[in-house]
């Protein structure tokens, strides 16, 4: 599948420099979500480096993963990386 802009939504805005929290869902596996520049309109949506994205896979093996925004390009695309929970 592919990224669908309408499936990425702001859940909570960061306050005082803290990161924002976003939700996203789709049928893609979490390794697809981590692809470079996968979110084509990241800057336009308001993603910034350090924001968190909770992703929920809606088909087959359902599950949720947490990602952080690693980069936002000059062209507006955003890249995610898996968040490390320790």
PDB file of N, CA and C in Angstrom:
ATOM      1  N   UNK A   1       0.847  -1.175   0.000  1.00  0.00           N
ATOM      2  CA  UNK A   1       0.000   0.000   0.000  1.00  0.00           C
ATOM      3  C   UNK A   1       0.896   1.244   0.000  1.00  0.00           C
ATOM      4  N   UNK A   2       0.292   2.365   0.311  1.00  0.00           N
ATOM      5  CA  UNK A   2       1.034   3.617   0.307  1.00  0.00           C
ATOM      6  C   UNK A   2       0.507   4.523   1.407  1.00  0.00           C
ATOM      7  N   UNK A   3       1.283   5.544   1.704  1.00  0.00           N
ATOM      8  CA  UNK A   3       0.876   6.536   2.693  1.00  0.00           C
ATOM      9  C   UNK A   3      -0.399   7.233   2.233  1.00  0.00           C
ATOM     10  N   UNK A   4      -1.334   7.428   3.166  1.00  0.00           N
ATOM     11  CA  UNK A   4      -2.584   8.144   2.903  1.00  0.00           C
ATOM     12  C   UNK A   4      -2.664   9.309   3.886  1.00  0.00           C
ATOM     13  N   UNK A   5      -2.601  10.514   3.389  1.00  0.00           N
ATOM     14  CA  UNK A   5      -2.532  11.710   4.227  1.00  0.00           C
ATOM     15  C   UNK A   5      -3.671  11.785   5.247  1.00  0.00           C
ATOM     16  N   UNK A   6      -4.872  11.401   4.840  1.00  0.00           N
ATOM     17  CA  UNK A   6      -6.033  11.493   5.732  1.00  0.00           C
ATOM     18  C   UNK A   6      -5.931  10.548   6.936  1.00  0.00           C
ATOM     19  N   UNK A   7      -5.004   9.588   6.888  1.00  0.00           N
ATOM     20  CA  UNK A   7      -4.865   8.626   7.984  1.00  0.00           C
ATOM     21  C   UNK A   7      -3.836   9.069   9.030  1.00  0.00           C
ATOM     22  N   UNK A   8      -3.241  10.243   8.858  1.00  0.00           N
ATOM     23  CA  UNK A   8      -2.299  10.817   9.823  1.00  0.00           C
ATOM     24  C   UNK A   8      -2.967  12.014  10.479  1.00  0.00           C
ATOM     25  N   UNK A   9      -3.142  11.957  11.794  1.00  0.00           N
ATOM     26  CA  UNK A   9      -3.864  13.011  12.495  1.00  0.00           C
ATOM     27  C   UNK A   9      -3.153  13.414  13.778  1.00  0.00           C
ATOM     28  N   UNK A  10      -3.180  14.705  14.080  1.00  0.00           N
ATOM     29  CA  UNK A  10      -2.598  15.225  15.308  1.00  0.00           C
ATOM     30  C   UNK A  10      -3.496  14.855  16.480  1.00  0.00           C
ATOM     31  N   UNK A  11      -2.927  14.210  17.480  1.00  0.00           N
ATOM     32  CA  UNK A  11      -3.673  13.833  18.678  1.00  0.00           C
ATOM     33  C   UNK A  11      -3.479  14.885  19.769  1.00  0.00           C
ATOM     34  N   UNK A  12      -2.237  15.344  19.944  1.00  0.00           N
ATOM     35  CA  UNK A  12      -1.939  16.311  20.996  1.00  0.00           C
ATOM     36  C   UNK A  12      -0.748  17.171  20.584  1.00  0.00           C
ATOM     37  N   UNK A  13      -0.931  18.479  20.625  1.00  0.00           N
ATOM     38  CA  UNK A  13       0.160  19.400  20.290  1.00  0.00           C
ATOM     39  C   UNK A  13       1.153  19.483  21.438  1.00  0.00           C
ATOM     40  N   UNK A  14       2.424  19.550  21.096  1.00  0.00           N
ATOM     41  CA  UNK A  14       3.454  19.726  22.100  1.00  0.00           C
ATOM     42  C   UNK A  14       3.354  21.112  22.719  1.00  0.00           C
ATOM     43  N   UNK A  15       3.689  21.224  24.001  1.00  0.00           N
ATOM     44  CA  UNK A  15       3.626  22.493  24.717  1.00  0.00           C
ATOM     45  C   UNK A  15       5.019  22.823  25.240  1.00  0.00           C
ATOM     46  N   UNK A  16       5.445  24.063  25.066  1.00  0.00           N
ATOM     47  CA  UNK A  16       6.719  24.495  25.614  1.00  0.00           C
ATOM     48  C   UNK A  16       7.919  23.760  25.045  1.00  0.00           C
ATOM     49  N   UNK A  17       7.877  23.436  23.772  1.00  0.00           N
ATOM     50  CA  UNK A  17       8.996  22.756  23.131  1.00  0.00           C
ATOM     51  C   UNK A  17       8.945  21.240  23.203  1.00  0.00           C
ATOM     52  N   UNK A  18       7.927  20.683  23.864  1.00  0.00           N
ATOM     53  CA  UNK A  18       7.816  19.217  23.916  1.00  0.00           C
ATOM     54  C   UNK A  18       7.256  18.695  22.595  1.00  0.00           C
ATOM     55  N   UNK A  19       7.480  17.414  22.284  1.00  0.00           N
ATOM     56  CA  UNK A  19       7.017  16.877  21.005  1.00  0.00           C
ATOM     57  C   UNK A  19       5.497  16.730  20.949  1.00  0.00           C
ATOM     58  N   UNK A  20       4.985  16.778  19.741  1.00  0.00           N
ATOM     59  CA  UNK A  20       3.562  16.514  19.504  1.00  0.00           C
ATOM     60  C   UNK A  20       3.357  15.015  19.357  1.00  0.00           C
ATOM     61  N   UNK A  21       2.120  14.573  19.539  1.00  0.00           N
ATOM     62  CA  UNK A  21       1.755  13.166  19.411  1.00  0.00           C
ATOM     63  C   UNK A  21       0.732  13.024  18.293  1.00  0.00           C
ATOM     64  N   UNK A  22       1.032  12.130  17.358  1.00  0.00           N
ATOM     65  CA  UNK A  22       0.198  11.903  16.181  1.00  0.00           C
ATOM     66  C   UNK A  22      -0.300  10.459  16.167  1.00  0.00           C
ATOM     67  N   UNK A  23      -1.424  10.220  15.508  1.00  0.00           N
ATOM     68  CA  UNK A  23      -1.891   8.865  15.257  1.00  0.00           C
ATOM     69  C   UNK A  23      -1.945   8.650  13.751  1.00  0.00           C
ATOM     70  N   UNK A  24      -1.688   7.410  13.343  1.00  0.00           N
ATOM     71  CA  UNK A  24      -1.751   7.052  11.933  1.00  0.00           C
ATOM     72  C   UNK A  24      -2.176   5.595  11.854  1.00  0.00           C
ATOM     73  N   UNK A  25      -2.958   5.253  10.853  1.00  0.00           N
ATOM     74  CA  UNK A  25      -3.390   3.871  10.674  1.00  0.00           C
ATOM     75  C   UNK A  25      -3.334   3.503   9.205  1.00  0.00           C
ATOM     76  N   UNK A  26      -3.299   2.219   8.947  1.00  0.00           N
ATOM     77  CA  UNK A  26      -3.281   1.739   7.579  1.00  0.00           C
ATOM     78  C   UNK A  26      -2.999   0.253   7.539  1.00  0.00           C
ATOM     79  N   UNK A  27      -2.811  -0.273   6.349  1.00  0.00           N
ATOM     80  CA  UNK A  27      -2.576  -1.704   6.166  1.00  0.00           C
ATOM     81  C   UNK A  27      -1.102  -2.043   5.982  1.00  0.00           C
ATOM     82  N   UNK A  28      -0.249  -1.030   6.002  1.00  0.00           N
ATOM     83  CA  UNK A  28       1.185  -1.247   5.810  1.00  0.00           C
ATOM     84  C   UNK A  28       1.831  -1.813   7.072  1.00  0.00           C
ATOM     85  N   UNK A  29       2.878  -2.607   6.890  1.00  0.00           N
ATOM     86  CA  UNK A  29       3.644  -3.101   8.031  1.00  0.00           C
ATOM     87  C   UNK A  29       4.531  -1.973   8.550  1.00  0.00           C
ATOM     88  N   UNK A  30       4.943  -2.075   9.804  1.00  0.00           N
ATOM     89  CA  UNK A  30       5.684  -0.975  10.422  1.00  0.00           C
ATOM     90  C   UNK A  30       7.006  -0.674   9.722  1.00  0.00           C
ATOM     91  N   UNK A  31       7.605  -1.655   9.064  1.00  0.00           N
ATOM     92  CA  UNK A  31       8.858  -1.375   8.352  1.00  0.00           C
ATOM     93  C   UNK A  31       8.625  -0.506   7.119  1.00  0.00           C
ATOM     94  N   UNK A  32       7.421  -0.544   6.533  1.00  0.00           N
ATOM     95  CA  UNK A  32       7.089   0.371   5.436  1.00  0.00           C
ATOM     96  C   UNK A  32       6.968   1.795   5.966  1.00  0.00           C
ATOM     97  N   UNK A  33       6.378   1.937   7.136  1.00  0.00           N
ATOM     98  CA  UNK A  33       6.182   3.252   7.749  1.00  0.00           C
ATOM     99  C   UNK A  33       7.530   3.930   8.011  1.00  0.00           C
ATOM    100  N   UNK A  34       8.566   3.129   8.269  1.00  0.00           N
ATOM    101  CA  UNK A  34       9.901   3.656   8.541  1.00  0.00           C
ATOM    102  C   UNK A  34      10.698   4.001   7.285  1.00  0.00           C
ATOM    103  N   UNK A  35      10.118   3.836   6.106  1.00  0.00           N
ATOM    104  CA  UNK A  35      10.845   4.116   4.863  1.00  0.00           C
ATOM    105  C   UNK A  35      11.172   5.607   4.754  1.00  0.00           C
ATOM    106  N   UNK A  36      12.316   5.912   4.187  1.00  0.00           N
ATOM    107  CA  UNK A  36      12.742   7.299   4.010  1.00  0.00           C
ATOM    108  C   UNK A  36      11.706   8.089   3.217  1.00  0.00           C
ATOM    109  N   UNK A  37      11.335   9.262   3.735  1.00  0.00           N
ATOM    110  CA  UNK A  37      10.392  10.189   3.094  1.00  0.00           C
ATOM    111  C   UNK A  37       9.014   9.572   2.844  1.00  0.00           C
ATOM    112  N   UNK A  38       8.622   8.600   3.657  1.00  0.00           N
ATOM    113  CA  UNK A  38       7.338   7.907   3.434  1.00  0.00           C
ATOM    114  C   UNK A  38       6.148   8.841   3.587  1.00  0.00           C
ATOM    115  N   UNK A  39       6.228   9.772   4.525  1.00  0.00           N
ATOM    116  CA  UNK A  39       5.126  10.733   4.710  1.00  0.00           C
ATOM    117  C   UNK A  39       5.420  11.924   3.796  1.00  0.00           C
ATOM    118  N   UNK A  40       4.786  11.919   2.647  1.00  0.00           N
ATOM    119  CA  UNK A  40       5.122  12.884   1.588  1.00  0.00           C
ATOM    120  C   UNK A  40       4.775  14.324   1.937  1.00  0.00           C
ATOM    121  N   UNK A  41       3.805  14.537   2.811  1.00  0.00           N
ATOM    122  CA  UNK A  41       3.374  15.897   3.149  1.00  0.00           C
ATOM    123  C   UNK A  41       3.599  16.213   4.633  1.00  0.00           C
ATOM    124  N   UNK A  42       4.667  15.658   5.188  1.00  0.00           N
ATOM    125  CA  UNK A  42       4.939  15.813   6.614  1.00  0.00           C
ATOM    126  C   UNK A  42       5.027  17.259   7.078  1.00  0.00           C
ATOM    127  N   UNK A  43       5.747  18.092   6.351  1.00  0.00           N
ATOM    128  CA  UNK A  43       5.888  19.499   6.740  1.00  0.00           C
ATOM    129  C   UNK A  43       4.542  20.218   6.655  1.00  0.00           C
ATOM    130  N   UNK A  44       3.790  19.947   5.609  1.00  0.00           N
ATOM    131  CA  UNK A  44       2.480  20.586   5.442  1.00  0.00           C
ATOM    132  C   UNK A  44       1.513  20.186   6.552  1.00  0.00           C
ATOM    133  N   UNK A  45       1.624  18.943   7.028  1.00  0.00           N
ATOM    134  CA  UNK A  45       0.757  18.479   8.117  1.00  0.00           C
ATOM    135  C   UNK A  45       1.203  19.061   9.460  1.00  0.00           C
ATOM    136  N   UNK A  46       2.473  19.485   9.568  1.00  0.00           N
ATOM    137  CA  UNK A  46       2.974  20.070  10.797  1.00  0.00           C
ATOM    138  C   UNK A  46       3.919  19.192  11.596  1.00  0.00           C
ATOM    139  N   UNK A  47       4.355  18.066  11.022  1.00  0.00           N
ATOM    140  CA  UNK A  47       5.311  17.203  11.715  1.00  0.00           C
ATOM    141  C   UNK A  47       6.640  17.919  11.901  1.00  0.00           C
ATOM    142  N   UNK A  48       7.249  17.730  13.060  1.00  0.00           N
ATOM    143  CA  UNK A  48       8.582  18.277  13.299  1.00  0.00           C
ATOM    144  C   UNK A  48       9.464  17.183  13.890  1.00  0.00           C
ATOM    145  N   UNK A  49      10.754  17.334  13.740  1.00  0.00           N
ATOM    146  CA  UNK A  49      11.703  16.353  14.253  1.00  0.00           C
ATOM    147  C   UNK A  49      11.485  16.184  15.755  1.00  0.00           C
ATOM    148  N   UNK A  50      11.388  14.934  16.180  1.00  0.00           N
ATOM    149  CA  UNK A  50      11.171  14.616  17.583  1.00  0.00           C
ATOM    150  C   UNK A  50       9.724  14.303  17.934  1.00  0.00           C
ATOM    151  N   UNK A  51       8.778  14.638  17.052  1.00  0.00           N
ATOM    152  CA  UNK A  51       7.376  14.271  17.300  1.00  0.00           C
ATOM    153  C   UNK A  51       7.238  12.756  17.327  1.00  0.00           C
ATOM    154  N   UNK A  52       6.187  12.273  17.987  1.00  0.00           N
ATOM    155  CA  UNK A  52       5.905  10.833  18.042  1.00  0.00           C
ATOM    156  C   UNK A  52       4.681  10.509  17.205  1.00  0.00           C
ATOM    157  N   UNK A  53       4.732   9.346  16.544  1.00  0.00           N
ATOM    158  CA  UNK A  53       3.612   8.861  15.738  1.00  0.00           C
ATOM    159  C   UNK A  53       3.268   7.449  16.208  1.00  0.00           C
ATOM    160  N   UNK A  54       2.026   7.270  16.668  1.00  0.00           N
ATOM    161  CA  UNK A  54       1.528   5.930  17.004  1.00  0.00           C
ATOM    162  C   UNK A  54       0.852   5.381  15.750  1.00  0.00           C
ATOM    163  N   UNK A  55       1.341   4.244  15.272  1.00  0.00           N
ATOM    164  CA  UNK A  55       0.803   3.642  14.047  1.00  0.00           C
ATOM    165  C   UNK A  55       0.043   2.365  14.385  1.00  0.00           C
ATOM    166  N   UNK A  56      -1.169   2.242  13.847  1.00  0.00           N
ATOM    167  CA  UNK A  56      -1.989   1.047  14.054  1.00  0.00           C
ATOM    168  C   UNK A  56      -2.217   0.357  12.720  1.00  0.00           C
ATOM    169  N   UNK A  57      -1.775  -0.889  12.612  1.00  0.00           N
ATOM    170  CA  UNK A  57      -1.978  -1.696  11.400  1.00  0.00           C
ATOM    171  C   UNK A  57      -3.358  -2.328  11.487  1.00  0.00           C
ATOM    172  N   UNK A  58      -4.176  -2.089  10.477  1.00  0.00           N
ATOM    173  CA  UNK A  58      -5.595  -2.454  10.534  1.00  0.00           C
ATOM    174  C   UNK A  58      -5.953  -3.770   9.860  1.00  0.00           C
ATOM    175  N   UNK A  59      -4.993  -4.458   9.242  1.00  0.00           N
ATOM    176  CA  UNK A  59      -5.332  -5.691   8.532  1.00  0.00           C
ATOM    177  C   UNK A  59      -4.360  -6.807   8.893  1.00  0.00           C
ATOM    178  N   UNK A  60      -4.747  -8.028   8.539  1.00  0.00           N
ATOM    179  CA  UNK A  60      -3.926  -9.226   8.778  1.00  0.00           C
ATOM    180  C   UNK A  60      -3.492  -9.268  10.242  1.00  0.00           C
ATOM    181  N   UNK A  61      -2.206  -9.252  10.497  1.00  0.00           N
ATOM    182  CA  UNK A  61      -1.704  -9.254  11.865  1.00  0.00           C
ATOM    183  C   UNK A  61      -1.792  -7.830  12.393  1.00  0.00           C
ATOM    184  N   UNK A  62      -2.853  -7.534  13.127  1.00  0.00           N
ATOM    185  CA  UNK A  62      -3.063  -6.179  13.643  1.00  0.00           C
ATOM    186  C   UNK A  62      -2.089  -5.901  14.773  1.00  0.00           C
ATOM    187  N   UNK A  63      -1.717  -4.651  14.901  1.00  0.00           N
ATOM    188  CA  UNK A  63      -0.805  -4.272  15.970  1.00  0.00           C
ATOM    189  C   UNK A  63      -0.524  -2.793  15.930  1.00  0.00           C
ATOM    190  N   UNK A  64       0.133  -2.314  16.968  1.00  0.00           N
ATOM    191  CA  UNK A  64       0.469  -0.901  17.063  1.00  0.00           C
ATOM    192  C   UNK A  64       1.961  -0.743  17.318  1.00  0.00           C
ATOM    193  N   UNK A  65       2.551   0.281  16.720  1.00  0.00           N
ATOM    194  CA  UNK A  65       3.965   0.580  16.921  1.00  0.00           C
ATOM    195  C   UNK A  65       4.122   2.076  17.162  1.00  0.00           C
ATOM    196  N   UNK A  66       5.207   2.418  17.838  1.00  0.00           N
ATOM    197  CA  UNK A  66       5.502   3.818  18.126  1.00  0.00           C
ATOM    198  C   UNK A  66       6.732   4.226  17.331  1.00  0.00           C
ATOM    199  N   UNK A  67       6.672   5.400  16.709  1.00  0.00           N
ATOM    200  CA  UNK A  67       7.756   5.902  15.875  1.00  0.00           C
ATOM    201  C   UNK A  67       8.050   7.344  16.251  1.00  0.00           C
ATOM    202  N   UNK A  68       9.257   7.794  15.939  1.00  0.00           N
ATOM    203  CA  UNK A  68       9.594   9.208  16.125  1.00  0.00           C
ATOM    204  C   UNK A  68       9.980   9.807  14.776  1.00  0.00           C
ATOM    205  N   UNK A  69       9.709  11.097  14.618  1.00  0.00           N
ATOM    206  CA  UNK A  69      10.056  11.787  13.377  1.00  0.00           C
ATOM    207  C   UNK A  69      11.559  12.038  13.399  1.00  0.00           C
ATOM    208  N   UNK A  70      12.234  11.471  12.421  1.00  0.00           N
ATOM    209  CA  UNK A  70      13.690  11.537  12.329  1.00  0.00           C
ATOM    210  C   UNK A  70      14.164  12.693  11.452  1.00  0.00           C
ATOM    211  N   UNK A  71      13.393  12.997  10.406  1.00  0.00           N
ATOM    212  CA  UNK A  71      13.794  14.045   9.468  1.00  0.00           C
ATOM    213  C   UNK A  71      12.573  14.602   8.758  1.00  0.00           C
ATOM    214  N   UNK A  72      12.646  15.887   8.421  1.00  0.00           N
ATOM    215  CA  UNK A  72      11.660  16.537   7.563  1.00  0.00           C
ATOM    216  C   UNK A  72      12.471  17.277   6.502  1.00  0.00           C
ATOM    217  N   UNK A  73      12.295  16.909   5.244  1.00  0.00           N
ATOM    218  CA  UNK A  73      13.113  17.464   4.167  1.00  0.00           C
ATOM    219  C   UNK A  73      12.639  18.850   3.749  1.00  0.00           C
ATOM    220  N   UNK A  74      13.485  19.541   2.998  1.00  0.00           N
ATOM    221  CA  UNK A  74      13.132  20.848   2.453  1.00  0.00           C
ATOM    222  C   UNK A  74      11.923  20.734   1.533  1.00  0.00           C
ATOM    223  N   UNK A  75      11.769  19.571   0.904  1.00  0.00           N
ATOM    224  CA  UNK A  75      10.624  19.335   0.023  1.00  0.00           C
ATOM    225  C   UNK A  75       9.344  19.004   0.771  1.00  0.00           C
ATOM    226  N   UNK A  76       9.450  18.800   2.090  1.00  0.00           N
ATOM    227  CA  UNK A  76       8.266  18.587   2.898  1.00  0.00           C
ATOM    228  C   UNK A  76       8.010  17.166   3.354  1.00  0.00           C
ATOM    229  N   UNK A  77       8.765  16.193   2.834  1.00  0.00           N
ATOM    230  CA  UNK A  77       8.551  14.798   3.225  1.00  0.00           C
ATOM    231  C   UNK A  77       9.155  14.552   4.608  1.00  0.00           C
ATOM    232  N   UNK A  78       8.572  13.588   5.328  1.00  0.00           N
ATOM    233  CA  UNK A  78       9.063  13.239   6.664  1.00  0.00           C
ATOM    234  C   UNK A  78       9.432  11.768   6.708  1.00  0.00           C
ATOM    235  N   UNK A  79      10.471  11.481   7.493  1.00  0.00           N
ATOM    236  CA  UNK A  79      10.917  10.092   7.709  1.00  0.00           C
ATOM    237  C   UNK A  79      10.768   9.766   9.188  1.00  0.00           C
ATOM    238  N   UNK A  80      10.303   8.547   9.455  1.00  0.00           N
ATOM    239  CA  UNK A  80      10.131   8.067  10.815  1.00  0.00           C
ATOM    240  C   UNK A  80      11.164   7.017  11.145  1.00  0.00           C
ATOM    241  N   UNK A  81      11.425   6.838  12.418  1.00  0.00           N
ATOM    242  CA  UNK A  81      12.245   5.727  12.876  1.00  0.00           C
ATOM    243  C   UNK A  81      11.507   5.061  14.010  1.00  0.00           C
ATOM    244  N   UNK A  82      11.774   3.770  14.238  1.00  0.00           N
ATOM    245  CA  UNK A  82      11.104   3.111  15.355  1.00  0.00           C
ATOM    246  C   UNK A  82      11.578   3.734  16.672  1.00  0.00           C
ATOM    247  N   UNK A  83      10.653   3.965  17.567  1.00  0.00           N
ATOM    248  CA  UNK A  83      11.006   4.510  18.884  1.00  0.00           C
ATOM    249  C   UNK A  83      11.539   3.361  19.744  1.00  0.00           C
ATOM    250  N   UNK A  84      12.544   3.642  20.534  1.00  0.00           N
ATOM    251  CA  UNK A  84      13.122   2.645  21.424  1.00  0.00           C
ATOM    252  C   UNK A  84      12.537   2.869  22.806  1.00  0.00           C
ATOM    253  N   UNK A  85      11.832   1.869  23.297  1.00  0.00           N
ATOM    254  CA  UNK A  85      11.224   1.960  24.623  1.00  0.00           C
ATOM    255  C   UNK A  85      12.070   1.133  25.583  1.00  0.00           C
ATOM    256  N   UNK A  86      12.607   1.784  26.579  1.00  0.00           N
ATOM    257  CA  UNK A  86      13.447   1.073  27.541  1.00  0.00           C
ATOM    258  C   UNK A  86      13.035   1.426  28.943  1.00  0.00           C
TER     259      UNK A  86
END
